Amino acid sequence: RESDAAVALCERCVSIFLCSNVLSTARLGCKLDLNFIARNKWNCEYNPKVNELQIIRKPRSTARLFRNGTLVCAGAKSIDESHRAARKFARIVQKLNFPVRLLNFQIKNILSCGKFFPVHLADVRQAYNKECRSGQLFMSSNVQCLHSHVTLQVTL
């Protein structure tokens, strides 16, 4: 079946390409006073209209904290690094006497890239016609694997 072939293509491509960014979210289980956190941490930027930004060095990643206790972690190179970074950010906030627990950790996006072989978009569109949506404005093709919820965007 064509959809099984698309799933196999997605699995092969995920194992070939190098992961360059992982975006994850988590709930901290409590409301946060962002102004207090920004005043007491040295590596924070605070924008009252939006949210707060923290940066840690190992693993190198950035976190956005929201008042409702949502944590968005970006910049890690793997899923394990992203989870470790989220735990570190939660621990940083916990040290400021907030009753923090890392809840509902989810990977939202994995950005991978590679230039290992030439890609012929016309062949990809022809082989995976049902799963493929071609972009008309620029040279790219989207292949959406329905069973594994993976979307590949092939760009020249």
N, C-alpha and C. Protein backbone atom coordinates (compact mmCIF):
# COMPACT_ATOMS: atom_id res chain seq x y z
N ARG A 1 0.83 -1.19 0.00
CA ARG A 1 0.00 0.00 0.00
C ARG A 1 0.87 1.24 0.00
N GLU A 2 0.32 2.33 -0.55
CA GLU A 2 1.08 3.57 -0.67
C GLU A 2 1.34 4.22 0.68
N SER A 3 0.37 4.14 1.60
CA SER A 3 0.57 4.77 2.91
C SER A 3 1.64 4.04 3.71
N ASP A 4 1.73 2.71 3.57
CA ASP A 4 2.80 1.97 4.23
C ASP A 4 4.16 2.37 3.67
N ALA A 5 4.22 2.62 2.38
CA ALA A 5 5.47 3.06 1.77
C ALA A 5 5.86 4.44 2.28
N ALA A 6 4.88 5.31 2.50
CA ALA A 6 5.17 6.64 3.03
C ALA A 6 5.68 6.56 4.46
N VAL A 7 5.11 5.67 5.28
CA VAL A 7 5.59 5.48 6.65
C VAL A 7 7.03 4.98 6.63
N ALA A 8 7.33 4.04 5.74
CA ALA A 8 8.70 3.54 5.63
C ALA A 8 9.65 4.64 5.20
N LEU A 9 9.22 5.51 4.29
CA LEU A 9 10.05 6.64 3.86
C LEU A 9 10.32 7.57 5.04
N CYS A 10 9.30 7.86 5.84
CA CYS A 10 9.48 8.75 6.99
C CYS A 10 10.47 8.15 7.98
N GLU A 11 10.35 6.86 8.27
CA GLU A 11 11.25 6.23 9.23
C GLU A 11 12.68 6.23 8.73
N ARG A 12 12.88 5.99 7.43
CA ARG A 12 14.23 6.02 6.87
C ARG A 12 14.81 7.42 6.94
N CYS A 13 14.02 8.43 6.60
CA CYS A 13 14.51 9.80 6.59
C CYS A 13 14.85 10.29 7.99
N VAL A 14 14.04 9.92 8.98
CA VAL A 14 14.32 10.35 10.35
C VAL A 14 15.64 9.76 10.82
N SER A 15 15.97 8.53 10.42
CA SER A 15 17.22 7.92 10.86
C SER A 15 18.42 8.47 10.10
N ILE A 16 18.23 9.05 8.91
CA ILE A 16 19.34 9.56 8.11
C ILE A 16 19.72 10.97 8.52
N PHE A 17 18.77 11.84 8.74
CA PHE A 17 19.05 13.26 8.94
C PHE A 17 19.54 13.55 10.35
N LEU A 18 20.29 14.65 10.47
CA LEU A 18 20.83 15.07 11.75
C LEU A 18 19.86 16.02 12.43
N CYS A 19 19.61 15.78 13.69
CA CYS A 19 18.69 16.61 14.46
C CYS A 19 19.38 17.91 14.83
N SER A 20 18.77 19.05 14.52
CA SER A 20 19.39 20.33 14.82
C SER A 20 18.62 21.14 15.85
N ASN A 21 17.36 20.80 16.13
CA ASN A 21 16.59 21.55 17.12
C ASN A 21 15.39 20.71 17.56
N VAL A 22 15.15 20.69 18.86
CA VAL A 22 13.99 20.00 19.42
C VAL A 22 13.18 21.03 20.20
N LEU A 23 11.90 21.12 19.91
CA LEU A 23 11.00 22.02 20.62
C LEU A 23 10.08 21.17 21.49
N SER A 24 10.06 21.47 22.79
CA SER A 24 9.23 20.71 23.71
C SER A 24 8.47 21.65 24.64
N THR A 25 7.40 21.14 25.22
CA THR A 25 6.62 21.90 26.18
C THR A 25 6.40 21.06 27.42
N ALA A 26 6.16 21.74 28.54
CA ALA A 26 5.84 21.07 29.80
C ALA A 26 5.04 22.02 30.66
N ARG A 27 4.33 21.47 31.61
CA ARG A 27 3.61 22.26 32.60
C ARG A 27 4.39 22.17 33.90
N LEU A 28 4.48 23.28 34.61
CA LEU A 28 5.21 23.31 35.88
C LEU A 28 4.29 23.12 37.08
N GLY A 29 3.01 23.08 36.88
CA GLY A 29 2.08 22.75 37.95
C GLY A 29 1.76 23.87 38.92
N CYS A 30 2.17 25.10 38.63
CA CYS A 30 1.86 26.22 39.51
C CYS A 30 1.90 27.51 38.71
N LYS A 31 1.30 28.56 39.26
CA LYS A 31 1.36 29.89 38.65
C LYS A 31 2.72 30.49 38.98
N LEU A 32 3.26 31.30 38.07
CA LEU A 32 4.59 31.88 38.24
C LEU A 32 4.52 33.39 38.32
N ASP A 33 5.34 33.97 39.17
CA ASP A 33 5.53 35.42 39.23
C ASP A 33 6.77 35.73 38.40
N LEU A 34 6.57 36.08 37.14
CA LEU A 34 7.69 36.26 36.22
C LEU A 34 8.57 37.44 36.61
N ASN A 35 7.98 38.48 37.17
CA ASN A 35 8.76 39.64 37.60
C ASN A 35 9.73 39.24 38.71
N PHE A 36 9.26 38.44 39.66
CA PHE A 36 10.12 37.97 40.75
C PHE A 36 11.25 37.10 40.22
N ILE A 37 10.94 36.21 39.29
CA ILE A 37 11.96 35.32 38.72
C ILE A 37 13.01 36.14 37.97
N ALA A 38 12.57 37.12 37.19
CA ALA A 38 13.51 37.94 36.41
C ALA A 38 14.41 38.77 37.32
N ARG A 39 13.89 39.24 38.45
CA ARG A 39 14.71 40.03 39.37
C ARG A 39 15.73 39.18 40.12
N ASN A 40 15.46 37.90 40.29
CA ASN A 40 16.33 37.05 41.10
C ASN A 40 17.23 36.12 40.30
N LYS A 41 17.11 36.09 39.00
CA LYS A 41 18.00 35.27 38.17
C LYS A 41 18.80 36.17 37.24
N TRP A 42 20.06 35.85 37.05
CA TRP A 42 20.93 36.73 36.25
C TRP A 42 20.82 36.48 34.75
N ASN A 43 20.36 35.33 34.32
CA ASN A 43 20.33 35.01 32.89
C ASN A 43 18.92 35.06 32.32
N CYS A 44 18.15 36.04 32.73
CA CYS A 44 16.76 36.15 32.28
C CYS A 44 16.51 37.48 31.60
N GLU A 45 15.64 37.45 30.63
CA GLU A 45 15.10 38.67 30.04
C GLU A 45 13.61 38.63 30.31
N TYR A 46 13.05 39.76 30.70
CA TYR A 46 11.63 39.79 31.02
C TYR A 46 10.93 40.85 30.19
N ASN A 47 9.88 40.46 29.52
CA ASN A 47 9.02 41.37 28.78
C ASN A 47 7.62 41.22 29.37
N PRO A 48 7.11 42.23 30.07
CA PRO A 48 5.82 42.09 30.73
C PRO A 48 4.66 41.77 29.79
N LYS A 49 4.76 42.17 28.53
CA LYS A 49 3.67 41.91 27.60
C LYS A 49 3.66 40.47 27.10
N VAL A 50 4.82 39.84 27.10
CA VAL A 50 4.89 38.52 26.49
C VAL A 50 5.19 37.45 27.55
N ASN A 51 6.45 37.33 27.93
CA ASN A 51 6.86 36.27 28.84
C ASN A 51 8.30 36.50 29.28
N GLU A 52 8.91 35.48 29.79
CA GLU A 52 10.28 35.56 30.26
C GLU A 52 11.13 34.55 29.49
N LEU A 53 12.40 34.87 29.35
CA LEU A 53 13.31 34.03 28.60
C LEU A 53 14.49 33.67 29.47
N GLN A 54 14.86 32.40 29.51
CA GLN A 54 16.03 31.95 30.24
C GLN A 54 16.93 31.17 29.30
N ILE A 55 18.23 31.23 29.56
CA ILE A 55 19.19 30.50 28.74
C ILE A 55 20.12 29.73 29.67
N ILE A 56 20.35 28.45 29.38
CA ILE A 56 21.35 27.68 30.11
C ILE A 56 22.41 27.20 29.14
N ARG A 57 23.55 26.83 29.67
CA ARG A 57 24.68 26.48 28.81
C ARG A 57 24.76 24.99 28.50
N LYS A 58 24.50 24.12 29.47
CA LYS A 58 24.60 22.69 29.22
C LYS A 58 23.34 22.01 29.69
N PRO A 59 22.56 21.39 28.85
CA PRO A 59 22.60 21.45 27.39
C PRO A 59 22.17 22.83 26.91
N ARG A 60 22.81 23.29 25.85
CA ARG A 60 22.56 24.64 25.34
C ARG A 60 21.12 24.74 24.83
N SER A 61 20.32 25.50 25.54
CA SER A 61 18.91 25.63 25.17
C SER A 61 18.31 26.88 25.77
N THR A 62 17.14 27.22 25.31
CA THR A 62 16.43 28.42 25.72
C THR A 62 15.04 28.01 26.19
N ALA A 63 14.57 28.67 27.23
CA ALA A 63 13.22 28.38 27.73
C ALA A 63 12.40 29.65 27.78
N ARG A 64 11.13 29.50 27.50
CA ARG A 64 10.17 30.58 27.68
C ARG A 64 9.20 30.13 28.76
N LEU A 65 9.05 30.97 29.76
CA LEU A 65 8.14 30.68 30.86
C LEU A 65 6.94 31.60 30.76
N PHE A 66 5.77 31.07 31.02
CA PHE A 66 4.55 31.85 30.99
C PHE A 66 3.94 31.88 32.39
N ARG A 67 3.11 32.87 32.65
CA ARG A 67 2.51 33.05 33.98
C ARG A 67 1.71 31.84 34.44
N ASN A 68 1.09 31.14 33.52
CA ASN A 68 0.25 30.00 33.90
C ASN A 68 1.07 28.74 34.20
N GLY A 69 2.40 28.83 34.13
CA GLY A 69 3.25 27.69 34.46
C GLY A 69 3.65 26.85 33.27
N THR A 70 3.44 27.34 32.08
CA THR A 70 3.85 26.61 30.88
C THR A 70 5.31 26.91 30.57
N LEU A 71 6.05 25.87 30.23
CA LEU A 71 7.46 25.98 29.88
C LEU A 71 7.62 25.51 28.44
N VAL A 72 8.25 26.32 27.60
CA VAL A 72 8.55 25.96 26.22
C VAL A 72 10.06 25.95 26.09
N CYS A 73 10.62 24.80 25.76
CA CYS A 73 12.07 24.63 25.69
C CYS A 73 12.48 24.41 24.24
N ALA A 74 13.47 25.17 23.77
CA ALA A 74 13.92 25.06 22.38
C ALA A 74 15.44 25.09 22.34
N GLY A 75 16.01 24.52 21.30
CA GLY A 75 17.43 24.61 21.07
C GLY A 75 18.22 23.36 21.39
N ALA A 76 17.62 22.37 22.01
CA ALA A 76 18.33 21.14 22.33
C ALA A 76 18.56 20.33 21.05
N LYS A 77 19.57 19.49 21.06
CA LYS A 77 19.93 18.72 19.87
C LYS A 77 19.34 17.32 19.85
N SER A 78 18.73 16.88 20.94
CA SER A 78 18.11 15.56 20.97
C SER A 78 16.94 15.58 21.94
N ILE A 79 16.16 14.53 21.93
CA ILE A 79 15.01 14.44 22.83
C ILE A 79 15.48 14.34 24.28
N ASP A 80 16.54 13.56 24.52
CA ASP A 80 17.07 13.44 25.88
C ASP A 80 17.60 14.78 26.39
N GLU A 81 18.30 15.51 25.53
CA GLU A 81 18.81 16.83 25.90
C GLU A 81 17.66 17.78 26.21
N SER A 82 16.60 17.72 25.44
CA SER A 82 15.45 18.58 25.67
C SER A 82 14.79 18.27 27.01
N HIS A 83 14.67 17.00 27.33
CA HIS A 83 14.09 16.61 28.62
C HIS A 83 14.99 17.05 29.77
N ARG A 84 16.29 16.87 29.61
CA ARG A 84 17.25 17.31 30.64
C ARG A 84 17.18 18.82 30.83
N ALA A 85 17.09 19.57 29.73
CA ALA A 85 17.01 21.03 29.82
C ALA A 85 15.72 21.46 30.51
N ALA A 86 14.61 20.82 30.19
CA ALA A 86 13.34 21.16 30.84
C ALA A 86 13.41 20.89 32.33
N ARG A 87 14.05 19.79 32.71
CA ARG A 87 14.22 19.50 34.15
C ARG A 87 15.10 20.55 34.82
N LYS A 88 16.15 21.00 34.12
CA LYS A 88 17.02 22.04 34.69
C LYS A 88 16.26 23.35 34.87
N PHE A 89 15.47 23.73 33.87
CA PHE A 89 14.69 24.96 33.99
C PHE A 89 13.69 24.85 35.14
N ALA A 90 13.06 23.70 35.28
CA ALA A 90 12.12 23.51 36.38
C ALA A 90 12.84 23.60 37.72
N ARG A 91 14.03 23.06 37.80
CA ARG A 91 14.81 23.11 39.04
C ARG A 91 15.23 24.55 39.36
N ILE A 92 15.57 25.33 38.34
CA ILE A 92 15.94 26.74 38.55
C ILE A 92 14.76 27.49 39.17
N VAL A 93 13.57 27.26 38.64
CA VAL A 93 12.38 27.93 39.18
C VAL A 93 12.05 27.39 40.57
N GLN A 94 12.27 26.11 40.78
CA GLN A 94 11.98 25.50 42.08
C GLN A 94 12.87 26.08 43.18
N LYS A 95 14.10 26.42 42.84
CA LYS A 95 15.02 27.01 43.82
C LYS A 95 14.57 28.39 44.27
N LEU A 96 13.64 29.00 43.55
CA LEU A 96 13.09 30.30 43.95
C LEU A 96 11.81 30.13 44.77
N ASN A 97 11.62 28.95 45.35
CA ASN A 97 10.51 28.63 46.26
C ASN A 97 9.14 28.59 45.59
N PHE A 98 9.11 28.15 44.35
CA PHE A 98 7.83 27.87 43.69
C PHE A 98 7.59 26.36 43.79
N PRO A 99 6.36 25.92 44.04
CA PRO A 99 6.08 24.48 44.14
C PRO A 99 6.00 23.83 42.76
N VAL A 100 7.14 23.66 42.14
CA VAL A 100 7.22 23.22 40.74
C VAL A 100 7.32 21.71 40.65
N ARG A 101 6.55 21.14 39.71
CA ARG A 101 6.69 19.74 39.31
C ARG A 101 6.63 19.71 37.79
N LEU A 102 7.50 18.97 37.18
CA LEU A 102 7.51 18.88 35.72
C LEU A 102 6.42 17.91 35.27
N LEU A 103 5.38 18.44 34.66
CA LEU A 103 4.23 17.64 34.25
C LEU A 103 4.03 17.71 32.74
N ASN A 104 3.51 16.65 32.18
CA ASN A 104 3.05 16.63 30.79
C ASN A 104 4.13 17.10 29.81
N PHE A 105 5.32 16.53 29.91
CA PHE A 105 6.40 16.85 28.98
C PHE A 105 6.07 16.26 27.61
N GLN A 106 6.10 17.11 26.57
CA GLN A 106 5.77 16.66 25.22
C GLN A 106 6.75 17.24 24.22
N ILE A 107 7.14 16.44 23.25
CA ILE A 107 7.94 16.92 22.12
C ILE A 107 6.96 17.44 21.08
N LYS A 108 7.11 18.70 20.70
CA LYS A 108 6.20 19.32 19.73
C LYS A 108 6.76 19.32 18.32
N ASN A 109 8.09 19.45 18.19
CA ASN A 109 8.68 19.59 16.86
C ASN A 109 10.13 19.15 16.91
N ILE A 110 10.57 18.46 15.88
CA ILE A 110 11.98 18.10 15.72
C ILE A 110 12.41 18.60 14.35
N LEU A 111 13.41 19.46 14.34
CA LEU A 111 13.93 20.01 13.09
C LEU A 111 15.21 19.27 12.74
N SER A 112 15.24 18.66 11.58
CA SER A 112 16.40 17.91 11.13
C SER A 112 16.74 18.34 9.72
N CYS A 113 18.00 18.23 9.37
CA CYS A 113 18.39 18.58 8.01
C CYS A 113 19.60 17.75 7.61
N GLY A 114 19.83 17.70 6.33
CA GLY A 114 20.97 16.97 5.81
C GLY A 114 21.07 17.15 4.31
N LYS A 115 22.29 17.05 3.80
CA LYS A 115 22.53 17.16 2.36
C LYS A 115 23.34 15.94 1.92
N PHE A 116 22.76 14.78 2.10
CA PHE A 116 23.51 13.56 1.84
C PHE A 116 23.31 13.02 0.43
N PHE A 117 22.23 13.41 -0.22
CA PHE A 117 21.94 12.86 -1.54
C PHE A 117 21.08 13.86 -2.31
N PRO A 118 21.12 13.82 -3.64
CA PRO A 118 20.27 14.73 -4.41
C PRO A 118 18.81 14.28 -4.33
N VAL A 119 17.91 15.26 -4.31
CA VAL A 119 16.48 14.98 -4.22
C VAL A 119 15.82 15.48 -5.50
N HIS A 120 15.03 14.62 -6.10
CA HIS A 120 14.27 14.99 -7.29
C HIS A 120 12.80 15.09 -6.86
N LEU A 121 12.33 16.33 -6.71
CA LEU A 121 10.99 16.55 -6.17
C LEU A 121 9.90 15.95 -7.06
N ALA A 122 10.11 15.97 -8.35
CA ALA A 122 9.10 15.40 -9.25
C ALA A 122 8.94 13.90 -8.99
N ASP A 123 10.04 13.21 -8.72
CA ASP A 123 9.97 11.77 -8.43
C ASP A 123 9.28 11.51 -7.09
N VAL A 124 9.55 12.37 -6.09
CA VAL A 124 8.91 12.22 -4.78
C VAL A 124 7.40 12.43 -4.92
N ARG A 125 7.01 13.46 -5.66
CA ARG A 125 5.57 13.73 -5.86
C ARG A 125 4.88 12.59 -6.60
N GLN A 126 5.59 12.03 -7.57
CA GLN A 126 4.99 10.95 -8.36
C GLN A 126 4.88 9.67 -7.54
N ALA A 127 5.89 9.35 -6.74
CA ALA A 127 5.89 8.11 -5.97
C ALA A 127 4.89 8.16 -4.81
N TYR A 128 4.73 9.32 -4.19
CA TYR A 128 3.85 9.46 -3.03
C TYR A 128 2.78 10.49 -3.33
N ASN A 129 1.99 10.22 -4.33
CA ASN A 129 1.01 11.19 -4.83
C ASN A 129 -0.07 11.50 -3.79
N LYS A 130 -0.58 10.50 -3.08
CA LYS A 130 -1.65 10.73 -2.10
C LYS A 130 -1.15 11.47 -0.87
N GLU A 131 0.06 11.15 -0.43
CA GLU A 131 0.59 11.75 0.79
C GLU A 131 1.31 13.06 0.55
N CYS A 132 1.51 13.42 -0.71
CA CYS A 132 2.37 14.54 -1.06
C CYS A 132 1.54 15.77 -1.42
N ARG A 133 1.93 16.89 -0.86
CA ARG A 133 1.30 18.17 -1.20
C ARG A 133 2.42 19.08 -1.68
N SER A 134 2.34 19.53 -2.91
CA SER A 134 3.44 20.32 -3.47
C SER A 134 3.20 21.80 -3.22
N GLY A 135 4.27 22.51 -2.92
CA GLY A 135 4.19 23.95 -2.76
C GLY A 135 4.28 24.63 -4.11
N GLN A 136 3.38 25.55 -4.38
CA GLN A 136 3.37 26.21 -5.68
C GLN A 136 4.25 27.46 -5.68
N LEU A 137 4.57 28.00 -4.51
CA LEU A 137 5.30 29.25 -4.46
C LEU A 137 6.82 29.06 -4.45
N PHE A 138 7.29 27.93 -3.97
CA PHE A 138 8.73 27.69 -3.94
C PHE A 138 8.98 26.20 -4.12
N MET A 139 10.23 25.86 -4.36
CA MET A 139 10.58 24.48 -4.69
C MET A 139 10.64 23.63 -3.42
N SER A 140 9.51 23.09 -3.03
CA SER A 140 9.49 22.17 -1.90
C SER A 140 8.33 21.21 -2.08
N SER A 141 8.36 20.18 -1.29
CA SER A 141 7.29 19.21 -1.32
C SER A 141 7.06 18.72 0.10
N ASN A 142 5.80 18.63 0.52
CA ASN A 142 5.45 18.12 1.84
C ASN A 142 4.92 16.71 1.70
N VAL A 143 5.49 15.79 2.47
CA VAL A 143 5.01 14.42 2.52
C VAL A 143 4.49 14.19 3.92
N GLN A 144 3.20 13.92 4.07
CA GLN A 144 2.61 13.73 5.38
C GLN A 144 2.29 12.26 5.58
N CYS A 145 2.90 11.67 6.60
CA CYS A 145 2.65 10.27 6.94
C CYS A 145 1.50 10.23 7.94
N LEU A 146 0.40 9.65 7.54
CA LEU A 146 -0.82 9.71 8.34
C LEU A 146 -0.74 8.86 9.60
N HIS A 147 -0.07 7.72 9.54
CA HIS A 147 -0.06 6.81 10.68
C HIS A 147 0.88 7.26 11.79
N SER A 148 1.98 7.89 11.44
CA SER A 148 2.96 8.26 12.46
C SER A 148 2.95 9.75 12.78
N HIS A 149 2.05 10.52 12.19
CA HIS A 149 1.93 11.97 12.44
C HIS A 149 3.24 12.69 12.16
N VAL A 150 3.95 12.29 11.13
CA VAL A 150 5.21 12.92 10.74
C VAL A 150 4.99 13.61 9.41
N THR A 151 5.48 14.83 9.29
CA THR A 151 5.44 15.55 8.03
C THR A 151 6.85 15.87 7.61
N LEU A 152 7.21 15.46 6.42
CA LEU A 152 8.52 15.78 5.86
C LEU A 152 8.35 16.93 4.89
N GLN A 153 9.18 17.95 5.03
CA GLN A 153 9.18 19.03 4.05
C GLN A 153 10.52 18.96 3.34
N VAL A 154 10.49 18.57 2.09
CA VAL A 154 11.70 18.43 1.29
C VAL A 154 11.86 19.71 0.50
N THR A 155 12.97 20.41 0.72
CA THR A 155 13.23 21.69 0.08
C THR A 155 14.57 21.63 -0.63
N LEU A 156 14.61 22.21 -1.80
CA LEU A 156 15.88 22.26 -2.54
C LEU A 156 16.70 23.45 -2.12
